[in-house]
Amino acid sequence: MGNLLVSGGISPVDPETGVTPDGADEQVAMVFANVRRVLAAAGGTTGDIVKCTVFVQDKAIRPVVNKHWVEMFPDEASRPARHMLITDLQSGTQLQLEVMAVLGEG
Protein backbone atom coordinates (compact mmCIF):
# COMPACT_ATOMS: atom_id res chain seq x y z
CA MET A 1 0.00 0.00 0.00
CA GLY A 2 3.01 2.29 -0.01
CA ASN A 3 2.27 5.55 1.74
CA LEU A 4 -1.38 4.85 2.65
CA LEU A 5 -2.20 4.78 6.36
CA VAL A 6 -5.57 3.41 7.44
CA SER A 7 -6.12 3.33 11.18
CA GLY A 8 -8.27 1.15 13.30
CA GLY A 9 -10.33 2.78 16.02
CA ILE A 10 -8.48 5.59 17.80
CA SER A 11 -9.93 6.08 21.26
CA PRO A 12 -9.78 8.90 23.80
CA VAL A 13 -7.72 6.83 26.24
CA ASP A 14 -4.77 8.72 27.70
CA PRO A 15 -1.70 6.65 26.69
CA GLU A 16 0.18 7.74 29.83
CA THR A 17 -2.49 6.73 32.35
CA GLY A 18 -4.73 4.30 30.46
CA VAL A 19 -7.72 6.35 31.59
CA THR A 20 -10.51 7.81 29.45
CA PRO A 21 -11.35 11.37 30.54
CA ASP A 22 -14.91 11.93 31.78
CA GLY A 23 -15.94 15.13 29.98
CA ALA A 24 -16.84 15.47 26.31
CA ASP A 25 -14.34 18.27 25.66
CA GLU A 26 -11.56 16.30 27.36
CA GLN A 27 -12.38 13.14 25.40
CA VAL A 28 -12.44 14.98 22.09
CA ALA A 29 -9.16 16.73 22.87
CA MET A 30 -7.58 13.38 23.82
CA VAL A 31 -8.80 11.53 20.73
CA PHE A 32 -7.43 14.27 18.46
CA ALA A 33 -4.11 14.17 20.37
CA ASN A 34 -4.07 10.40 19.83
CA VAL A 35 -4.65 10.90 16.09
CA ARG A 36 -1.58 13.15 16.05
CA ARG A 37 0.40 10.43 17.90
CA VAL A 38 -0.63 7.74 15.41
CA LEU A 39 0.33 9.92 12.46
CA ALA A 40 3.66 10.95 14.02
CA ALA A 41 4.53 7.29 14.68
CA ALA A 42 3.95 6.61 10.97
CA GLY A 43 6.01 9.62 9.91
CA GLY A 44 3.01 11.76 8.97
CA THR A 45 1.11 14.83 10.08
CA THR A 46 -2.53 15.85 10.24
CA GLY A 47 -2.01 17.48 6.85
CA ASP A 48 -1.78 13.97 5.39
CA ILE A 49 -5.31 12.99 6.49
CA VAL A 50 -7.73 12.60 3.58
CA LYS A 51 -10.72 11.12 5.45
CA CYS A 52 -11.87 10.82 9.05
CA THR A 53 -14.78 8.78 10.38
CA VAL A 54 -16.09 9.88 13.77
CA PHE A 55 -18.03 7.25 15.70
CA VAL A 56 -20.16 8.75 18.48
CA GLN A 57 -22.56 7.55 21.16
CA ASP A 58 -24.70 10.67 20.65
CA LYS A 59 -24.60 13.32 17.93
CA ALA A 60 -25.06 15.97 20.63
CA ILE A 61 -21.24 15.90 20.88
CA ARG A 62 -20.99 17.35 17.34
CA PRO A 63 -20.34 21.00 18.44
CA VAL A 64 -17.44 19.84 20.62
CA VAL A 65 -16.01 17.76 17.76
CA ASN A 66 -16.43 20.74 15.41
CA LYS A 67 -14.47 23.01 17.78
CA HIS A 68 -11.48 20.64 17.87
CA TRP A 69 -11.85 19.84 14.15
CA VAL A 70 -11.46 23.51 13.20
CA GLU A 71 -8.46 23.82 15.54
CA MET A 72 -6.80 20.83 13.85
CA PHE A 73 -7.81 21.91 10.33
CA PRO A 74 -8.09 25.72 10.36
CA ASP A 75 -8.05 26.09 6.56
CA GLU A 76 -11.61 25.47 5.44
CA ALA A 77 -10.44 24.84 1.88
CA SER A 78 -8.13 21.95 2.79
CA ARG A 79 -10.01 19.97 5.44
CA PRO A 80 -10.29 16.22 4.90
CA ALA A 81 -13.61 14.50 4.33
CA ARG A 82 -15.41 13.68 7.55
CA HIS A 83 -18.30 11.37 8.32
CA MET A 84 -20.03 11.00 11.70
CA LEU A 85 -21.85 7.81 12.65
CA ILE A 86 -23.82 6.88 15.76
CA THR A 87 -22.70 3.56 17.24
CA ASP A 88 -22.43 1.75 20.55
CA LEU A 89 -19.05 2.34 22.16
CA GLN A 90 -17.40 1.00 25.28
CA SER A 91 -19.06 2.34 28.44
CA GLY A 92 -17.92 5.89 29.20
CA THR A 93 -16.43 6.42 25.74
CA GLN A 94 -18.21 9.18 23.85
CA LEU A 95 -16.35 8.92 20.54
CA GLN A 96 -13.75 7.06 18.52
CA LEU A 97 -12.04 8.05 15.27
CA GLU A 98 -10.68 6.26 12.24
CA VAL A 99 -8.44 8.08 9.78
CA MET A 100 -7.14 7.49 6.31
CA ALA A 101 -4.00 9.37 5.35
CA VAL A 102 -1.67 9.54 2.38
CA LEU A 103 1.70 10.09 4.04
CA GLY A 104 3.88 12.75 2.55
CA GLU A 105 1.03 14.27 0.54
CA GLY A 106 -0.04 16.97 3.06
PDB file of N, CA and C in Angstrom:
ATOM      1  N   MET A   1       0.811  -1.190   0.000  1.00  0.00           N
ATOM      2  CA  MET A   1       0.000   0.000   0.000  1.00  0.00           C
ATOM      3  C   MET A   1       0.854   1.254   0.000  1.00  0.00           C
ATOM      4  N   GLY A   2       2.140   1.127   0.078  1.00  0.00           N
ATOM      5  CA  GLY A   2       3.010   2.291  -0.008  1.00  0.00           C
ATOM      6  C   GLY A   2       2.798   3.281   1.113  1.00  0.00           C
ATOM      7  N   ASN A   3       2.379   4.482   0.744  1.00  0.00           N
ATOM      8  CA  ASN A   3       2.272   5.551   1.735  1.00  0.00           C
ATOM      9  C   ASN A   3       0.852   5.756   2.257  1.00  0.00           C
ATOM     10  N   LEU A   4      -0.013   4.765   2.143  1.00  0.00           N
ATOM     11  CA  LEU A   4      -1.385   4.852   2.645  1.00  0.00           C
ATOM     12  C   LEU A   4      -1.447   4.357   4.087  1.00  0.00           C
ATOM     13  N   LEU A   5      -1.996   5.178   4.975  1.00  0.00           N
ATOM     14  CA  LEU A   5      -2.203   4.783   6.364  1.00  0.00           C
ATOM     15  C   LEU A   5      -3.703   4.715   6.603  1.00  0.00           C
ATOM     16  N   VAL A   6      -4.172   3.582   7.063  1.00  0.00           N
ATOM     17  CA  VAL A   6      -5.575   3.408   7.435  1.00  0.00           C
ATOM     18  C   VAL A   6      -5.564   2.920   8.876  1.00  0.00           C
ATOM     19  N   SER A   7      -6.145   3.710   9.767  1.00  0.00           N
ATOM     20  CA  SER A   7      -6.121   3.335  11.181  1.00  0.00           C
ATOM     21  C   SER A   7      -7.276   2.424  11.526  1.00  0.00           C
ATOM     22  N   GLY A   8      -7.135   1.766  12.645  1.00  0.00           N
ATOM     23  CA  GLY A   8      -8.269   1.147  13.299  1.00  0.00           C
ATOM     24  C   GLY A   8      -8.899   2.220  14.173  1.00  0.00           C
ATOM     25  N   GLY A   9      -9.693   1.819  15.132  1.00  0.00           N
ATOM     26  CA  GLY A   9     -10.331   2.784  16.016  1.00  0.00           C
ATOM     27  C   GLY A   9      -9.315   3.466  16.920  1.00  0.00           C
ATOM     28  N   ILE A  10      -9.338   4.788  16.925  1.00  0.00           N
ATOM     29  CA  ILE A  10      -8.477   5.586  17.795  1.00  0.00           C
ATOM     30  C   ILE A  10      -9.368   6.125  18.908  1.00  0.00           C
ATOM     31  N   SER A  11      -9.064   5.751  20.124  1.00  0.00           N
ATOM     32  CA  SER A  11      -9.931   6.077  21.256  1.00  0.00           C
ATOM     33  C   SER A  11      -9.402   7.280  22.035  1.00  0.00           C
ATOM     34  N   PRO A  12     -10.216   7.788  22.964  1.00  0.00           N
ATOM     35  CA  PRO A  12      -9.780   8.904  23.801  1.00  0.00           C
ATOM     36  C   PRO A  12      -9.069   8.469  25.080  1.00  0.00           C
ATOM     37  N   VAL A  13      -8.448   7.309  25.072  1.00  0.00           N
ATOM     38  CA  VAL A  13      -7.720   6.831  26.239  1.00  0.00           C
ATOM     39  C   VAL A  13      -6.365   7.535  26.315  1.00  0.00           C
ATOM     40  N   ASP A  14      -6.058   8.068  27.476  1.00  0.00           N
ATOM     41  CA  ASP A  14      -4.769   8.721  27.703  1.00  0.00           C
ATOM     42  C   ASP A  14      -3.686   7.643  27.696  1.00  0.00           C
ATOM     43  N   PRO A  15      -2.721   7.702  26.776  1.00  0.00           N
ATOM     44  CA  PRO A  15      -1.704   6.647  26.692  1.00  0.00           C
ATOM     45  C   PRO A  15      -0.778   6.607  27.904  1.00  0.00           C
ATOM     46  N   GLU A  16      -0.688   7.706  28.645  1.00  0.00           N
ATOM     47  CA  GLU A  16       0.184   7.743  29.827  1.00  0.00           C
ATOM     48  C   GLU A  16      -0.468   7.061  31.027  1.00  0.00           C
ATOM     49  N   THR A  17      -1.802   7.231  31.156  1.00  0.00           N
ATOM     50  CA  THR A  17      -2.492   6.732  32.351  1.00  0.00           C
ATOM     51  C   THR A  17      -3.405   5.545  32.079  1.00  0.00           C
ATOM     52  N   GLY A  18      -3.792   5.355  30.808  1.00  0.00           N
ATOM     53  CA  GLY A  18      -4.731   4.300  30.464  1.00  0.00           C
ATOM     54  C   GLY A  18      -6.167   4.640  30.824  1.00  0.00           C
ATOM     55  N   VAL A  19      -6.408   5.903  31.149  1.00  0.00           N
ATOM     56  CA  VAL A  19      -7.721   6.352  31.594  1.00  0.00           C
ATOM     57  C   VAL A  19      -8.398   7.176  30.500  1.00  0.00           C
ATOM     58  N   THR A  20      -9.709   6.986  30.355  1.00  0.00           N
ATOM     59  CA  THR A  20     -10.507   7.808  29.453  1.00  0.00           C
ATOM     60  C   THR A  20     -11.050   8.985  30.256  1.00  0.00           C
ATOM     61  N   PRO A  21     -10.807  10.219  29.820  1.00  0.00           N
ATOM     62  CA  PRO A  21     -11.347  11.371  30.542  1.00  0.00           C
ATOM     63  C   PRO A  21     -12.871  11.302  30.606  1.00  0.00           C
ATOM     64  N   ASP A  22     -13.462  11.962  31.596  1.00  0.00           N
ATOM     65  CA  ASP A  22     -14.909  11.934  31.778  1.00  0.00           C
ATOM     66  C   ASP A  22     -15.651  12.876  30.834  1.00  0.00           C
ATOM     67  N   GLY A  23     -15.206  14.107  30.714  1.00  0.00           N
ATOM     68  CA  GLY A  23     -15.940  15.128  29.978  1.00  0.00           C
ATOM     69  C   GLY A  23     -15.818  15.017  28.470  1.00  0.00           C
ATOM     70  N   ALA A  24     -16.839  15.513  27.776  1.00  0.00           N
ATOM     71  CA  ALA A  24     -16.843  15.471  26.311  1.00  0.00           C
ATOM     72  C   ALA A  24     -15.667  16.241  25.731  1.00  0.00           C
ATOM     73  N   ASP A  25     -15.429  17.466  26.211  1.00  0.00           N
ATOM     74  CA  ASP A  25     -14.339  18.269  25.663  1.00  0.00           C
ATOM     75  C   ASP A  25     -12.994  17.581  25.885  1.00  0.00           C
ATOM     76  N   GLU A  26     -12.817  16.992  27.054  1.00  0.00           N
ATOM     77  CA  GLU A  26     -11.556  16.302  27.356  1.00  0.00           C
ATOM     78  C   GLU A  26     -11.383  15.064  26.483  1.00  0.00           C
ATOM     79  N   GLN A  27     -12.474  14.324  26.262  1.00  0.00           N
ATOM     80  CA  GLN A  27     -12.383  13.141  25.399  1.00  0.00           C
ATOM     81  C   GLN A  27     -12.061  13.527  23.958  1.00  0.00           C
ATOM     82  N   VAL A  28     -12.708  14.565  23.469  1.00  0.00           N
ATOM     83  CA  VAL A  28     -12.445  14.978  22.086  1.00  0.00           C
ATOM     84  C   VAL A  28     -11.007  15.469  21.947  1.00  0.00           C
ATOM     85  N   ALA A  29     -10.549  16.259  22.909  1.00  0.00           N
ATOM     86  CA  ALA A  29      -9.162  16.728  22.866  1.00  0.00           C
ATOM     87  C   ALA A  29      -8.193  15.542  22.879  1.00  0.00           C
ATOM     88  N   MET A  30      -8.468  14.538  23.717  1.00  0.00           N
ATOM     89  CA  MET A  30      -7.578  13.381  23.818  1.00  0.00           C
ATOM     90  C   MET A  30      -7.582  12.551  22.542  1.00  0.00           C
ATOM     91  N   VAL A  31      -8.758  12.339  21.946  1.00  0.00           N
ATOM     92  CA  VAL A  31      -8.800  11.530  20.733  1.00  0.00           C
ATOM     93  C   VAL A  31      -8.055  12.227  19.585  1.00  0.00           C
ATOM     94  N   PHE A  32      -8.166  13.561  19.500  1.00  0.00           N
ATOM     95  CA  PHE A  32      -7.426  14.267  18.458  1.00  0.00           C
ATOM     96  C   PHE A  32      -5.920  14.246  18.748  1.00  0.00           C
ATOM     97  N   ALA A  33      -5.533  14.311  20.017  1.00  0.00           N
ATOM     98  CA  ALA A  33      -4.113  14.172  20.371  1.00  0.00           C
ATOM     99  C   ALA A  33      -3.613  12.783  19.992  1.00  0.00           C
ATOM    100  N   ASN A  34      -4.455  11.762  20.195  1.00  0.00           N
ATOM    101  CA  ASN A  34      -4.066  10.401  19.830  1.00  0.00           C
ATOM    102  C   ASN A  34      -3.952  10.229  18.325  1.00  0.00           C
ATOM    103  N   VAL A  35      -4.788  10.916  17.557  1.00  0.00           N
ATOM    104  CA  VAL A  35      -4.654  10.901  16.093  1.00  0.00           C
ATOM    105  C   VAL A  35      -3.285  11.455  15.715  1.00  0.00           C
ATOM    106  N   ARG A  36      -2.910  12.563  16.336  1.00  0.00           N
ATOM    107  CA  ARG A  36      -1.581  13.148  16.054  1.00  0.00           C
ATOM    108  C   ARG A  36      -0.469  12.153  16.386  1.00  0.00           C
ATOM    109  N   ARG A  37      -0.616  11.421  17.499  1.00  0.00           N
ATOM    110  CA  ARG A  37       0.400  10.430  17.895  1.00  0.00           C
ATOM    111  C   ARG A  37       0.512   9.301  16.866  1.00  0.00           C
ATOM    112  N   VAL A  38      -0.631   8.811  16.407  1.00  0.00           N
ATOM    113  CA  VAL A  38      -0.626   7.737  15.407  1.00  0.00           C
ATOM    114  C   VAL A  38       0.078   8.211  14.134  1.00  0.00           C
ATOM    115  N   LEU A  39      -0.286   9.389  13.679  1.00  0.00           N
ATOM    116  CA  LEU A  39       0.330   9.919  12.459  1.00  0.00           C
ATOM    117  C   LEU A  39       1.833  10.138  12.639  1.00  0.00           C
ATOM    118  N   ALA A  40       2.230  10.707  13.771  1.00  0.00           N
ATOM    119  CA  ALA A  40       3.657  10.949  14.020  1.00  0.00           C
ATOM    120  C   ALA A  40       4.435   9.635  14.029  1.00  0.00           C
ATOM    121  N   ALA A  41       3.861   8.593  14.636  1.00  0.00           N
ATOM    122  CA  ALA A  41       4.528   7.286  14.678  1.00  0.00           C
ATOM    123  C   ALA A  41       4.728   6.719  13.275  1.00  0.00           C
ATOM    124  N   ALA A  42       3.844   7.086  12.353  1.00  0.00           N
ATOM    125  CA  ALA A  42       3.950   6.609  10.971  1.00  0.00           C
ATOM    126  C   ALA A  42       4.753   7.562  10.092  1.00  0.00           C
ATOM    127  N   GLY A  43       5.235   8.655  10.678  1.00  0.00           N
ATOM    128  CA  GLY A  43       6.012   9.620   9.905  1.00  0.00           C
ATOM    129  C   GLY A  43       5.154  10.642   9.189  1.00  0.00           C
ATOM    130  N   GLY A  44       3.914  10.819   9.627  1.00  0.00           N
ATOM    131  CA  GLY A  44       3.011  11.756   8.970  1.00  0.00           C
ATOM    132  C   GLY A  44       2.570  12.883   9.885  1.00  0.00           C
ATOM    133  N   THR A  45       1.695  13.710   9.342  1.00  0.00           N
ATOM    134  CA  THR A  45       1.108  14.826  10.083  1.00  0.00           C
ATOM    135  C   THR A  45      -0.387  14.862   9.788  1.00  0.00           C
ATOM    136  N   THR A  46      -1.097  15.713  10.492  1.00  0.00           N
ATOM    137  CA  THR A  46      -2.529  15.847  10.244  1.00  0.00           C
ATOM    138  C   THR A  46      -2.805  16.360   8.831  1.00  0.00           C
ATOM    139  N   GLY A  47      -1.852  17.024   8.227  1.00  0.00           N
ATOM    140  CA  GLY A  47      -2.006  17.480   6.847  1.00  0.00           C
ATOM    141  C   GLY A  47      -2.083  16.342   5.844  1.00  0.00           C
ATOM    142  N   ASP A  48      -1.727  15.134   6.266  1.00  0.00           N
ATOM    143  CA  ASP A  48      -1.780  13.967   5.395  1.00  0.00           C
ATOM    144  C   ASP A  48      -3.143  13.271   5.410  1.00  0.00           C
ATOM    145  N   ILE A  49      -4.007  13.646   6.364  1.00  0.00           N
ATOM    146  CA  ILE A  49      -5.314  12.990   6.494  1.00  0.00           C
ATOM    147  C   ILE A  49      -6.208  13.367   5.313  1.00  0.00           C
ATOM    148  N   VAL A  50      -6.805  12.356   4.693  1.00  0.00           N
ATOM    149  CA  VAL A  50      -7.733  12.598   3.582  1.00  0.00           C
ATOM    150  C   VAL A  50      -9.175  12.276   3.971  1.00  0.00           C
ATOM    151  N   LYS A  51      -9.368  11.463   5.014  1.00  0.00           N
ATOM    152  CA  LYS A  51     -10.720  11.121   5.454  1.00  0.00           C
ATOM    153  C   LYS A  51     -10.685  10.742   6.926  1.00  0.00           C
ATOM    154  N   CYS A  52     -11.735  11.144   7.635  1.00  0.00           N
ATOM    155  CA  CYS A  52     -11.871  10.815   9.054  1.00  0.00           C
ATOM    156  C   CYS A  52     -13.303  10.374   9.308  1.00  0.00           C
ATOM    157  N   THR A  53     -13.460   9.239   9.955  1.00  0.00           N
ATOM    158  CA  THR A  53     -14.777   8.780  10.382  1.00  0.00           C
ATOM    159  C   THR A  53     -14.842   8.947  11.891  1.00  0.00           C
ATOM    160  N   VAL A  54     -15.892   9.612  12.343  1.00  0.00           N
ATOM    161  CA  VAL A  54     -16.093   9.880  13.767  1.00  0.00           C
ATOM    162  C   VAL A  54     -17.267   9.033  14.231  1.00  0.00           C
ATOM    163  N   PHE A  55     -16.994   8.099  15.118  1.00  0.00           N
ATOM    164  CA  PHE A  55     -18.035   7.247  15.699  1.00  0.00           C
ATOM    165  C   PHE A  55     -18.412   7.853  17.042  1.00  0.00           C
ATOM    166  N   VAL A  56     -19.701   8.095  17.257  1.00  0.00           N
ATOM    167  CA  VAL A  56     -20.159   8.746  18.483  1.00  0.00           C
ATOM    168  C   VAL A  56     -21.298   7.965  19.119  1.00  0.00           C
ATOM    169  N   GLN A  57     -21.418   8.110  20.434  1.00  0.00           N
ATOM    170  CA  GLN A  57     -22.558   7.552  21.157  1.00  0.00           C
ATOM    171  C   GLN A  57     -23.796   8.399  20.884  1.00  0.00           C
ATOM    172  N   ASP A  58     -23.595   9.732  20.763  1.00  0.00           N
ATOM    173  CA  ASP A  58     -24.697  10.669  20.646  1.00  0.00           C
ATOM    174  C   ASP A  58     -24.228  11.856  19.810  1.00  0.00           C
ATOM    175  N   LYS A  59     -25.004  12.209  18.795  1.00  0.00           N
ATOM    176  CA  LYS A  59     -24.598  13.317  17.927  1.00  0.00           C
ATOM    177  C   LYS A  59     -24.607  14.669  18.631  1.00  0.00           C
ATOM    178  N   ALA A  60     -25.100  14.721  19.863  1.00  0.00           N
ATOM    179  CA  ALA A  60     -25.063  15.969  20.630  1.00  0.00           C
ATOM    180  C   ALA A  60     -23.629  16.440  20.871  1.00  0.00           C
ATOM    181  N   ILE A  61     -22.647  15.553  20.705  1.00  0.00           N
ATOM    182  CA  ILE A  61     -21.235  15.903  20.881  1.00  0.00           C
ATOM    183  C   ILE A  61     -20.678  16.661  19.666  1.00  0.00           C
ATOM    184  N   ARG A  62     -21.452  16.736  18.593  1.00  0.00           N
ATOM    185  CA  ARG A  62     -20.990  17.351  17.343  1.00  0.00           C
ATOM    186  C   ARG A  62     -20.363  18.740  17.525  1.00  0.00           C
ATOM    187  N   PRO A  63     -20.974  19.685  18.289  1.00  0.00           N
ATOM    188  CA  PRO A  63     -20.342  21.003  18.438  1.00  0.00           C
ATOM    189  C   PRO A  63     -18.950  20.936  19.074  1.00  0.00           C
ATOM    190  N   VAL A  64     -18.753  19.996  19.988  1.00  0.00           N
ATOM    191  CA  VAL A  64     -17.438  19.840  20.622  1.00  0.00           C
ATOM    192  C   VAL A  64     -16.443  19.293  19.600  1.00  0.00           C
ATOM    193  N   VAL A  65     -16.868  18.310  18.818  1.00  0.00           N
ATOM    194  CA  VAL A  65     -16.015  17.765  17.761  1.00  0.00           C
ATOM    195  C   VAL A  65     -15.674  18.873  16.763  1.00  0.00           C
ATOM    196  N   ASN A  66     -16.666  19.657  16.375  1.00  0.00           N
ATOM    197  CA  ASN A  66     -16.432  20.738  15.409  1.00  0.00           C
ATOM    198  C   ASN A  66     -15.386  21.725  15.912  1.00  0.00           C
ATOM    199  N   LYS A  67     -15.443  22.076  17.200  1.00  0.00           N
ATOM    200  CA  LYS A  67     -14.466  23.012  17.779  1.00  0.00           C
ATOM    201  C   LYS A  67     -13.044  22.480  17.609  1.00  0.00           C
ATOM    202  N   HIS A  68     -12.824  21.228  17.978  1.00  0.00           N
ATOM    203  CA  HIS A  68     -11.485  20.642  17.872  1.00  0.00           C
ATOM    204  C   HIS A  68     -11.099  20.380  16.412  1.00  0.00           C
ATOM    205  N   TRP A  69     -12.084  20.075  15.572  1.00  0.00           N
ATOM    206  CA  TRP A  69     -11.849  19.843  14.147  1.00  0.00           C
ATOM    207  C   TRP A  69     -11.279  21.103  13.499  1.00  0.00           C
ATOM    208  N   VAL A  70     -11.903  22.237  13.782  1.00  0.00           N
ATOM    209  CA  VAL A  70     -11.457  23.512  13.202  1.00  0.00           C
ATOM    210  C   VAL A  70     -10.078  23.892  13.741  1.00  0.00           C
ATOM    211  N   GLU A  71      -9.803  23.562  15.002  1.00  0.00           N
ATOM    212  CA  GLU A  71      -8.464  23.816  15.544  1.00  0.00           C
ATOM    213  C   GLU A  71      -7.415  22.974  14.817  1.00  0.00           C
ATOM    214  N   MET A  72      -7.749  21.712  14.524  1.00  0.00           N
ATOM    215  CA  MET A  72      -6.802  20.827  13.848  1.00  0.00           C
ATOM    216  C   MET A  72      -6.673  21.168  12.364  1.00  0.00           C
ATOM    217  N   PHE A  73      -7.780  21.604  11.765  1.00  0.00           N
ATOM    218  CA  PHE A  73      -7.807  21.912  10.326  1.00  0.00           C
ATOM    219  C   PHE A  73      -8.365  23.318  10.123  1.00  0.00           C
ATOM    220  N   PRO A  74      -7.578  24.349  10.419  1.00  0.00           N
ATOM    221  CA  PRO A  74      -8.093  25.720  10.360  1.00  0.00           C
ATOM    222  C   PRO A  74      -8.440  26.210   8.954  1.00  0.00           C
ATOM    223  N   ASP A  75      -7.795  25.652   7.930  1.00  0.00           N
ATOM    224  CA  ASP A  75      -8.052  26.089   6.558  1.00  0.00           C
ATOM    225  C   ASP A  75      -9.261  25.352   5.994  1.00  0.00           C
ATOM    226  N   GLU A  76     -10.361  26.054   5.909  1.00  0.00           N
ATOM    227  CA  GLU A  76     -11.614  25.469   5.441  1.00  0.00           C
ATOM    228  C   GLU A  76     -11.483  24.812   4.063  1.00  0.00           C
ATOM    229  N   ALA A  77     -10.595  25.344   3.244  1.00  0.00           N
ATOM    230  CA  ALA A  77     -10.437  24.839   1.877  1.00  0.00           C
ATOM    231  C   ALA A  77      -9.636  23.538   1.799  1.00  0.00           C
ATOM    232  N   SER A  78      -8.963  23.156   2.888  1.00  0.00           N
ATOM    233  CA  SER A  78      -8.126  21.955   2.795  1.00  0.00           C
ATOM    234  C   SER A  78      -8.433  20.928   3.887  1.00  0.00           C
ATOM    235  N   ARG A  79      -9.634  20.967   4.436  1.00  0.00           N
ATOM    236  CA  ARG A  79     -10.013  19.969   5.440  1.00  0.00           C
ATOM    237  C   ARG A  79     -10.304  18.633   4.767  1.00  0.00           C
ATOM    238  N   PRO A  80      -9.968  17.542   5.462  1.00  0.00           N
ATOM    239  CA  PRO A  80     -10.290  16.222   4.902  1.00  0.00           C
ATOM    240  C   PRO A  80     -11.789  15.948   4.969  1.00  0.00           C
ATOM    241  N   ALA A  81     -12.215  14.951   4.242  1.00  0.00           N
ATOM    242  CA  ALA A  81     -13.605  14.503   4.328  1.00  0.00           C
ATOM    243  C   ALA A  81     -13.849  13.969   5.736  1.00  0.00           C
ATOM    244  N   ARG A  82     -15.078  14.161   6.215  1.00  0.00           N
ATOM    245  CA  ARG A  82     -15.412  13.680   7.553  1.00  0.00           C
ATOM    246  C   ARG A  82     -16.828  13.120   7.531  1.00  0.00           C
ATOM    247  N   HIS A  83     -16.994  12.011   8.227  1.00  0.00           N
ATOM    248  CA  HIS A  83     -18.298  11.367   8.320  1.00  0.00           C
ATOM    249  C   HIS A  83     -18.524  11.015   9.781  1.00  0.00           C
ATOM    250  N   MET A  84     -19.712  11.309  10.306  1.00  0.00           N
ATOM    251  CA  MET A  84     -20.031  11.000  11.697  1.00  0.00           C
ATOM    252  C   MET A  84     -21.130   9.950  11.738  1.00  0.00           C
ATOM    253  N   LEU A  85     -20.894   8.902  12.517  1.00  0.00           N
ATOM    254  CA  LEU A  85     -21.850   7.808  12.648  1.00  0.00           C
ATOM    255  C   LEU A  85     -22.162   7.555  14.118  1.00  0.00           C
ATOM    256  N   ILE A  86     -23.428   7.271  14.408  1.00  0.00           N
ATOM    257  CA  ILE A  86     -23.818   6.883  15.757  1.00  0.00           C
ATOM    258  C   ILE A  86     -23.609   5.378  15.891  1.00  0.00           C
ATOM    259  N   THR A  87     -22.962   4.975  16.994  1.00  0.00           N
ATOM    260  CA  THR A  87     -22.700   3.562  17.238  1.00  0.00           C
ATOM    261  C   THR A  87     -22.563   3.325  18.742  1.00  0.00           C
ATOM    262  N   ASP A  88     -22.687   2.085  19.160  1.00  0.00           N
ATOM    263  CA  ASP A  88     -22.429   1.747  20.551  1.00  0.00           C
ATOM    264  C   ASP A  88     -20.926   1.683  20.758  1.00  0.00           C
ATOM    265  N   LEU A  89     -20.463   2.345  21.800  1.00  0.00           N
ATOM    266  CA  LEU A  89     -19.050   2.342  22.156  1.00  0.00           C
ATOM    267  C   LEU A  89     -18.907   1.807  23.574  1.00  0.00           C
ATOM    268  N   GLN A  90     -17.687   1.483  23.937  1.00  0.00           N
ATOM    269  CA  GLN A  90     -17.405   0.999  25.283  1.00  0.00           C
ATOM    270  C   GLN A  90     -17.949   1.992  26.305  1.00  0.00           C
ATOM    271  N   SER A  91     -18.468   1.506  27.394  1.00  0.00           N
ATOM    272  CA  SER A  91     -19.056   2.338  28.437  1.00  0.00           C
ATOM    273  C   SER A  91     -18.135   3.496  28.829  1.00  0.00           C
ATOM    274  N   GLY A  92     -18.685   4.701  28.834  1.00  0.00           N
ATOM    275  CA  GLY A  92     -17.923   5.890  29.204  1.00  0.00           C
ATOM    276  C   GLY A  92     -17.208   6.551  28.046  1.00  0.00           C
ATOM    277  N   THR A  93     -17.098   5.863  26.921  1.00  0.00           N
ATOM    278  CA  THR A  93     -16.435   6.423  25.742  1.00  0.00           C
ATOM    279  C   THR A  93     -17.473   7.120  24.881  1.00  0.00           C
ATOM    280  N   GLN A  94     -17.246   8.406  24.611  1.00  0.00           N
ATOM    281  CA  GLN A  94     -18.215   9.179  23.850  1.00  0.00           C
ATOM    282  C   GLN A  94     -17.932   9.215  22.349  1.00  0.00           C
ATOM    283  N   LEU A  95     -16.678   8.923  21.964  1.00  0.00           N
ATOM    284  CA  LEU A  95     -16.351   8.920  20.543  1.00  0.00           C
ATOM    285  C   LEU A  95     -15.099   8.106  20.282  1.00  0.00           C
ATOM    286  N   GLN A  96     -14.920   7.782  19.013  1.00  0.00           N
ATOM    287  CA  GLN A  96     -13.746   7.062  18.524  1.00  0.00           C
ATOM    288  C   GLN A  96     -13.555   7.512  17.077  1.00  0.00           C
ATOM    289  N   LEU A  97     -12.323   7.616  16.637  1.00  0.00           N
ATOM    290  CA  LEU A  97     -12.039   8.054  15.271  1.00  0.00           C
ATOM    291  C   LEU A  97     -11.307   6.981  14.484  1.00  0.00           C
ATOM    292  N   GLU A  98     -11.510   7.004  13.186  1.00  0.00           N
ATOM    293  CA  GLU A  98     -10.676   6.259  12.243  1.00  0.00           C
ATOM    294  C   GLU A  98     -10.211   7.267  11.207  1.00  0.00           C
ATOM    295  N   VAL A  99      -8.962   7.163  10.798  1.00  0.00           N
ATOM    296  CA  VAL A  99      -8.442   8.076   9.780  1.00  0.00           C
ATOM    297  C   VAL A  99      -7.824   7.309   8.622  1.00  0.00           C
ATOM    298  N   MET A 100      -7.858   7.955   7.482  1.00  0.00           N
ATOM    299  CA  MET A 100      -7.141   7.489   6.308  1.00  0.00           C
ATOM    300  C   MET A 100      -6.235   8.637   5.894  1.00  0.00           C
ATOM    301  N   ALA A 101      -4.967   8.339   5.694  1.00  0.00           N
ATOM    302  CA  ALA A 101      -4.003   9.371   5.345  1.00  0.00           C
ATOM    303  C   ALA A 101      -3.080   8.884   4.237  1.00  0.00           C
ATOM    304  N   VAL A 102      -2.673   9.814   3.408  1.00  0.00           N
ATOM    305  CA  VAL A 102      -1.671   9.535   2.384  1.00  0.00           C
ATOM    306  C   VAL A 102      -0.407  10.258   2.854  1.00  0.00           C
ATOM    307  N   LEU A 103       0.515   9.504   3.411  1.00  0.00           N
ATOM    308  CA  LEU A 103       1.696  10.089   4.038  1.00  0.00           C
ATOM    309  C   LEU A 103       2.578  10.788   3.012  1.00  0.00           C
ATOM    310  N   GLY A 104       3.009  11.975   3.409  1.00  0.00           N
ATOM    311  CA  GLY A 104       3.877  12.747   2.546  1.00  0.00           C
ATOM    312  C   GLY A 104       3.153  13.578   1.522  1.00  0.00           C
ATOM    313  N   GLU A 105       1.816  13.521   1.532  1.00  0.00           N
ATOM    314  CA  GLU A 105       1.026  14.267   0.545  1.00  0.00           C
ATOM    315  C   GLU A 105       0.478  15.576   1.101  1.00  0.00           C
ATOM    316  N   GLY A 106       0.546  15.784   2.445  1.00  0.00           N
ATOM    317  CA  GLY A 106      -0.044  16.972   3.056  1.00  0.00           C
ATOM    318  C   GLY A 106       0.831  18.139   2.884  1.00  0.00           C
TER     319      GLY A 106
END
